[in-house]
């Protein structure tokens, strides 16, 4: 490995990666394409192999117009149901085609030790050109010591013809391992289309 130093001995360049340094990569584990789906469920390959899992979703579109087609997530903690106890926080930034804007903390979308779904977006529009895309990160789901943290960021074209960027974070307040992740739309809306991918994240160690 060749290192270059300035006169003050500050590091200026590394042109070869040290041997044994690995990680920082995404490994695709599963892809699910929605087609009039009631839910998108990842129920395998979530284990101690990775300390972080990422779920990428693209062009998520509701089957029909709804006043409450929020993208939602829930977690399975070793049983058969997706009902892990969660505490979350939610806020979003909105800017409309008519040039109005807002930044809001969504208290009505927060959970405090709730077992129901966690909303991770606002109302996704069902017009032909409206959809939502984003990423959810789940950290160390196989830990049996700590709560399971997650963070999501979702950008949608909403039913009010606005761009809406939603930030949600929280934790599943269980010591059991999380072994399943399920995405739904609220108000029992079907997911007309969209691509969902699950990645394992190899950290650089």
Protein backbone atom coordinates (compact mmCIF):
# COMPACT_ATOMS: atom_id res chain seq x y z
CA UNK A 1 0.00 0.00 0.00
CA UNK A 2 1.33 3.43 -0.94
CA UNK A 3 0.72 6.42 1.35
CA UNK A 4 1.36 10.05 0.45
CA UNK A 5 2.04 12.67 3.09
CA UNK A 6 2.22 16.44 2.98
CA UNK A 7 5.05 18.26 4.74
CA UNK A 8 2.99 18.51 7.91
CA UNK A 9 2.57 14.70 7.87
CA UNK A 10 -1.18 14.87 7.20
CA UNK A 11 -2.57 11.91 5.25
CA UNK A 12 -3.32 12.96 1.67
CA UNK A 13 -4.04 9.75 -0.25
CA UNK A 14 -4.52 6.00 0.06
CA UNK A 15 -4.42 4.31 -3.32
CA UNK A 16 -4.70 0.66 -2.20
CA UNK A 17 -7.16 -0.86 0.25
CA UNK A 18 -5.42 -2.66 3.15
CA UNK A 19 -5.69 -6.45 2.99
CA UNK A 20 -8.36 -7.87 5.27
CA UNK A 21 -10.51 -4.74 5.16
CA UNK A 22 -13.95 -5.85 3.99
CA UNK A 23 -17.57 -4.85 4.21
CA UNK A 24 -19.76 -1.90 3.43
CA UNK A 25 -21.70 -3.85 0.81
CA UNK A 26 -25.39 -4.58 0.24
CA UNK A 27 -26.30 -8.20 -0.46
CA UNK A 28 -29.65 -8.67 -2.16
CA UNK A 29 -31.59 -11.36 -0.28
CA UNK A 30 -35.10 -11.14 -1.68
CA UNK A 31 -37.25 -9.26 -4.22
CA UNK A 32 -41.06 -9.12 -4.16
CA UNK A 33 -43.14 -7.43 -6.84
CA UNK A 34 -46.59 -6.28 -5.75
CA UNK A 35 -49.63 -6.94 -7.93
CA UNK A 36 -52.90 -6.19 -6.18
CA UNK A 37 -51.26 -7.43 -2.97
CA UNK A 38 -52.81 -7.14 0.49
CA UNK A 39 -49.32 -7.15 1.99
CA UNK A 40 -45.65 -7.62 1.17
CA UNK A 41 -44.07 -10.01 3.65
CA UNK A 42 -40.42 -10.91 4.22
CA UNK A 43 -40.42 -13.95 6.51
CA UNK A 44 -37.07 -15.61 5.85
CA UNK A 45 -33.36 -14.72 5.80
CA UNK A 46 -33.77 -12.23 8.68
CA UNK A 47 -31.31 -13.66 11.17
CA UNK A 48 -27.94 -13.07 12.83
CA UNK A 49 -26.07 -13.10 9.50
CA UNK A 50 -26.26 -9.29 9.30
CA UNK A 51 -26.38 -6.54 11.92
CA UNK A 52 -28.45 -4.36 9.60
CA UNK A 53 -31.13 -5.09 7.00
CA UNK A 54 -32.40 -2.58 4.47
CA UNK A 55 -35.73 -2.68 2.67
CA UNK A 56 -35.92 -0.63 -0.54
CA UNK A 57 -39.31 -0.03 -2.14
CA UNK A 58 -39.90 1.65 -5.48
CA UNK A 59 -43.04 2.99 -7.22
CA UNK A 60 -45.50 1.77 -4.58
CA UNK A 61 -48.97 2.52 -5.95
CA UNK A 62 -52.35 1.95 -4.27
CA UNK A 63 -54.98 -0.04 -6.14
CA UNK A 64 -57.59 2.71 -5.69
CA UNK A 65 -57.98 6.23 -4.34
CA UNK A 66 -58.20 6.26 -0.57
CA UNK A 67 -58.24 8.92 2.08
CA UNK A 68 -55.78 6.88 4.13
CA UNK A 69 -53.38 4.91 1.89
CA UNK A 70 -50.35 5.27 4.14
CA UNK A 71 -47.50 2.81 3.67
CA UNK A 72 -47.13 0.90 6.94
CA UNK A 73 -44.77 -1.63 8.50
CA UNK A 74 -44.98 -4.20 11.25
CA UNK A 75 -42.66 -6.82 12.70
CA UNK A 76 -42.90 -10.45 13.78
CA UNK A 77 -41.07 -11.35 16.98
CA UNK A 78 -40.95 -15.12 16.89
CA UNK A 79 -44.67 -15.89 16.82
CA UNK A 80 -47.03 -16.08 13.87
CA UNK A 81 -48.40 -12.52 14.01
CA UNK A 82 -46.94 -9.20 12.93
CA UNK A 83 -47.65 -7.34 16.14
CA UNK A 84 -44.38 -6.49 17.89
CA UNK A 85 -44.76 -3.72 20.47
CA UNK A 86 -43.38 -0.45 19.05
CA UNK A 87 -42.71 3.16 20.01
CA UNK A 88 -42.20 5.55 17.09
CA UNK A 89 -41.88 9.17 16.02
CA UNK A 90 -43.09 10.69 12.72
CA UNK A 91 -42.63 13.98 10.88
CA UNK A 92 -42.87 15.14 7.27
CA UNK A 93 -42.07 18.01 4.94
CA UNK A 94 -44.59 18.86 2.22
CA UNK A 95 -44.51 21.12 -0.84
CA UNK A 96 -47.44 21.29 -3.23
CA UNK A 97 -47.67 21.91 -6.96
CA UNK A 98 -49.45 25.15 -6.01
CA UNK A 99 -46.28 26.23 -4.10
CA UNK A 100 -47.58 25.86 -0.54
CA UNK A 101 -45.41 24.13 2.03
CA UNK A 102 -45.37 22.79 5.58
CA UNK A 103 -43.20 20.96 8.08
CA UNK A 104 -45.20 18.94 10.58
CA UNK A 105 -44.73 16.55 13.46
CA UNK A 106 -47.38 13.83 13.03
CA UNK A 107 -48.51 13.14 16.57
CA UNK A 108 -51.53 11.18 15.32
CA UNK A 109 -49.20 8.76 13.52
CA UNK A 110 -46.91 8.07 16.49
CA UNK A 111 -47.09 4.85 18.45
CA UNK A 112 -46.50 4.55 22.19
CA UNK A 113 -46.14 0.87 23.04
CA UNK A 114 -48.51 0.01 20.20
CA UNK A 115 -48.81 -3.35 18.49
CA UNK A 116 -50.56 -2.10 15.36
CA UNK A 117 -48.86 -1.05 12.13
CA UNK A 118 -46.46 1.88 12.10
CA UNK A 119 -47.24 4.42 9.38
CA UNK A 120 -44.09 5.35 7.45
CA UNK A 121 -45.63 7.60 4.77
CA UNK A 122 -48.55 9.90 4.29
CA UNK A 123 -51.46 9.20 1.92
CA UNK A 124 -50.02 7.94 -1.38
CA UNK A 125 -51.99 9.19 -4.36
CA UNK A 126 -53.66 6.68 -6.67
CA UNK A 127 -53.54 8.74 -9.87
CA UNK A 128 -51.70 6.96 -12.68
CA UNK A 129 -48.59 9.08 -12.14
CA UNK A 130 -48.55 8.99 -8.32
CA UNK A 131 -46.53 6.58 -6.18
CA UNK A 132 -44.08 6.36 -3.29
CA UNK A 133 -40.51 5.15 -2.85
CA UNK A 134 -38.14 4.85 0.09
CA UNK A 135 -35.90 2.87 2.41
CA UNK A 136 -36.37 1.27 5.82
CA UNK A 137 -33.35 0.23 7.92
CA UNK A 138 -33.70 -2.42 10.64
CA UNK A 139 -30.80 -2.80 13.06
CA UNK A 140 -29.63 -6.02 14.74
CA UNK A 141 -32.99 -7.81 14.54
CA UNK A 142 -31.60 -11.02 16.07
CA UNK A 143 -30.48 -9.41 19.32
CA UNK A 144 -32.12 -10.97 22.38
CA UNK A 145 -30.72 -8.25 24.65
CA UNK A 146 -31.66 -4.90 23.15
CA UNK A 147 -34.73 -3.31 21.58
CA UNK A 148 -34.75 -3.35 17.75
CA UNK A 149 -34.29 0.09 16.20
CA UNK A 150 -35.56 1.07 12.76
CA UNK A 151 -35.43 4.22 10.61
CA UNK A 152 -37.35 4.97 7.43
CA UNK A 153 -37.48 7.74 4.87
CA UNK A 154 -40.21 7.74 2.24
CA UNK A 155 -40.91 10.19 -0.59
CA UNK A 156 -44.38 10.18 -2.15
CA UNK A 157 -46.58 12.03 -4.58
CA UNK A 158 -49.65 12.34 -2.39
CA UNK A 159 -53.36 12.55 -3.13
CA UNK A 160 -53.21 16.34 -2.76
CA UNK A 161 -50.68 16.70 -5.60
CA UNK A 162 -47.79 17.41 -3.26
CA UNK A 163 -44.28 16.10 -2.79
CA UNK A 164 -44.08 14.71 0.72
CA UNK A 165 -40.90 13.52 2.44
CA UNK A 166 -41.63 11.47 5.56
CA UNK A 167 -39.17 10.59 8.32
CA UNK A 168 -40.03 7.87 10.84
CA UNK A 169 -37.92 6.22 13.51
CA UNK A 170 -38.64 3.95 16.41
CA UNK A 171 -37.96 0.66 18.08
CA UNK A 172 -39.65 -2.66 18.58
CA UNK A 173 -39.69 -2.87 22.37
CA UNK A 174 -39.08 -6.60 22.59
CA UNK A 175 -36.07 -8.68 23.56
CA UNK A 176 -37.15 -11.54 21.29
CA UNK A 177 -35.55 -11.62 17.85
CA UNK A 178 -37.41 -9.99 14.96
CA UNK A 179 -37.70 -12.60 12.21
CA UNK A 180 -40.28 -11.09 9.84
CA UNK A 181 -41.15 -7.71 8.32
CA UNK A 182 -44.47 -6.91 6.65
CA UNK A 183 -45.51 -3.88 4.59
CA UNK A 184 -49.15 -2.91 4.04
CA UNK A 185 -51.24 0.09 3.07
CA UNK A 186 -53.59 1.43 5.72
CA UNK A 187 -57.35 1.44 5.32
CA UNK A 188 -57.12 -2.11 3.85
CA UNK A 189 -55.99 -0.73 0.49
CA UNK A 190 -54.25 -3.21 -1.80
CA UNK A 191 -50.80 -2.50 -3.21
CA UNK A 192 -51.48 -2.32 -6.93
CA UNK A 193 -47.80 -2.28 -7.94
CA UNK A 194 -44.33 -1.69 -6.60
CA UNK A 195 -41.02 -3.46 -6.12
CA UNK A 196 -39.73 -4.35 -2.66
CA UNK A 197 -36.16 -5.55 -2.04
CA UNK A 198 -34.47 -6.80 1.12
CA UNK A 199 -30.71 -6.40 1.53
CA UNK A 200 -28.28 -7.55 4.19
CA UNK A 201 -25.68 -4.91 5.03
CA UNK A 202 -22.07 -6.02 5.53
CA UNK A 203 -20.45 -3.42 7.73
CA UNK A 204 -16.86 -2.32 7.18
CA UNK A 205 -14.89 -3.85 10.08
